[in-house]
């Protein structure tokens, strides 16, 4: 089951100081990750690919860890996602993501 985890560091302050805004973001998260047509596991892999494509190292690491923990996503499955990142976003985001994956798996 999805956890209430937001990867942006600023969310800690938002939760503390602006609970109404935080609650709205939680609601948006719940509306997006429904698993209605595309299952949540696949949505998680899509999110991982988007984070990789934007070269957000912190978010990539968190998404990889979460996917492995929640769904037993394998290294090879993550590499399949990263192959698409390589094709669509290029070598720098791909190599950053591979570096993170190897750090997690070693």
Protein backbone atom coordinates (compact mmCIF):
# COMPACT_ATOMS: atom_id res chain seq x y z
CA UNK A 1 0.00 0.00 0.00
CA UNK A 2 1.25 3.46 -0.77
CA UNK A 3 2.73 5.44 2.05
CA UNK A 4 2.31 9.16 2.70
CA UNK A 5 5.82 10.03 1.58
CA UNK A 6 6.74 13.19 -0.27
CA UNK A 7 10.23 13.51 -1.64
CA UNK A 8 10.52 17.29 -1.59
CA UNK A 9 12.38 18.46 1.49
CA UNK A 10 10.08 21.45 1.84
CA UNK A 11 7.10 19.26 2.67
CA UNK A 12 8.18 18.93 6.31
CA UNK A 13 7.64 22.64 6.83
CA UNK A 14 4.42 22.65 4.83
CA UNK A 15 3.02 19.86 7.00
CA UNK A 16 3.97 21.75 10.15
CA UNK A 17 3.02 25.30 9.18
CA UNK A 18 0.33 24.96 6.49
CA UNK A 19 -1.76 21.93 7.30
CA UNK A 20 -4.53 22.96 4.90
CA UNK A 21 -2.09 23.04 1.99
CA UNK A 22 -0.50 19.79 3.11
CA UNK A 23 -3.92 18.10 3.29
CA UNK A 24 -4.68 19.30 -0.25
CA UNK A 25 -1.42 17.79 -1.50
CA UNK A 26 -2.18 14.51 0.27
CA UNK A 27 -5.60 14.52 -1.42
CA UNK A 28 -4.00 15.11 -4.81
CA UNK A 29 -1.57 12.25 -4.18
CA UNK A 30 -4.50 9.96 -3.36
CA UNK A 31 -6.39 11.09 -6.47
CA UNK A 32 -3.38 10.40 -8.71
CA UNK A 33 -2.22 7.06 -7.32
CA UNK A 34 -5.54 5.22 -7.51
CA UNK A 35 -4.54 2.08 -9.33
CA UNK A 36 -7.94 2.12 -11.06
CA UNK A 37 -6.75 1.24 -14.56
CA UNK A 38 -2.98 1.09 -14.26
CA UNK A 39 -2.04 -0.73 -11.08
CA UNK A 40 -0.15 1.14 -8.38
CA UNK A 41 3.03 -0.89 -8.98
CA UNK A 42 3.12 0.30 -12.59
CA UNK A 43 2.35 3.86 -11.49
CA UNK A 44 5.33 3.61 -9.12
CA UNK A 45 7.60 2.56 -12.01
CA UNK A 46 6.30 5.46 -14.11
CA UNK A 47 7.06 7.88 -11.27
CA UNK A 48 10.54 6.39 -10.99
CA UNK A 49 11.11 6.97 -14.71
CA UNK A 50 9.91 10.57 -14.49
CA UNK A 51 12.21 11.28 -11.55
CA UNK A 52 15.10 9.70 -13.43
CA UNK A 53 14.33 11.71 -16.58
CA UNK A 54 14.50 14.94 -14.57
CA UNK A 55 17.77 13.84 -12.92
CA UNK A 56 16.30 14.31 -9.43
CA UNK A 57 18.80 12.12 -7.59
CA UNK A 58 17.13 12.27 -4.18
CA UNK A 59 13.71 11.41 -5.60
CA UNK A 60 15.16 8.64 -7.80
CA UNK A 61 16.76 7.00 -4.80
CA UNK A 62 13.57 7.25 -2.74
CA UNK A 63 11.42 5.91 -5.60
CA UNK A 64 13.80 2.99 -6.17
CA UNK A 65 13.91 2.13 -2.48
CA UNK A 66 10.14 2.40 -2.20
CA UNK A 67 9.51 0.26 -5.30
CA UNK A 68 11.89 -2.43 -4.07
CA UNK A 69 10.42 -2.41 -0.57
CA UNK A 70 6.71 -2.18 -1.44
CA UNK A 71 6.62 -4.35 -4.57
CA UNK A 72 9.85 -6.34 -4.63
CA UNK A 73 10.73 -4.55 -7.87
CA UNK A 74 13.94 -6.06 -9.18
CA UNK A 75 17.08 -4.43 -10.46
CA UNK A 76 16.25 -5.69 -13.96
CA UNK A 77 12.78 -4.13 -13.85
CA UNK A 78 14.30 -0.78 -12.86
CA UNK A 79 16.85 -1.10 -15.67
CA UNK A 80 13.96 -1.65 -18.11
CA UNK A 81 12.46 1.65 -16.94
CA UNK A 82 15.86 3.32 -17.25
CA UNK A 83 16.24 2.06 -20.83
CA UNK A 84 13.23 4.23 -21.70
CA UNK A 85 14.82 7.13 -19.84
CA UNK A 86 17.99 6.64 -21.90
CA UNK A 87 16.00 6.74 -25.13
CA UNK A 88 13.81 9.71 -24.21
CA UNK A 89 16.03 11.83 -21.96
CA UNK A 90 19.58 10.89 -22.84
CA UNK A 91 22.75 9.58 -21.28
CA UNK A 92 23.22 11.95 -18.26
CA UNK A 93 19.91 11.09 -16.51
CA UNK A 94 20.40 7.41 -17.37
CA UNK A 95 23.90 7.22 -15.91
CA UNK A 96 22.87 9.12 -12.77
CA UNK A 97 20.04 6.67 -12.22
CA UNK A 98 22.25 3.64 -12.88
CA UNK A 99 24.78 4.96 -10.35
CA UNK A 100 22.06 5.23 -7.73
CA UNK A 101 20.72 1.77 -8.55
CA UNK A 102 24.16 0.21 -8.19
CA UNK A 103 24.71 2.02 -4.89
CA UNK A 104 21.42 0.60 -3.59
CA UNK A 105 22.05 -2.93 -4.82
CA UNK A 106 25.67 -3.19 -3.63
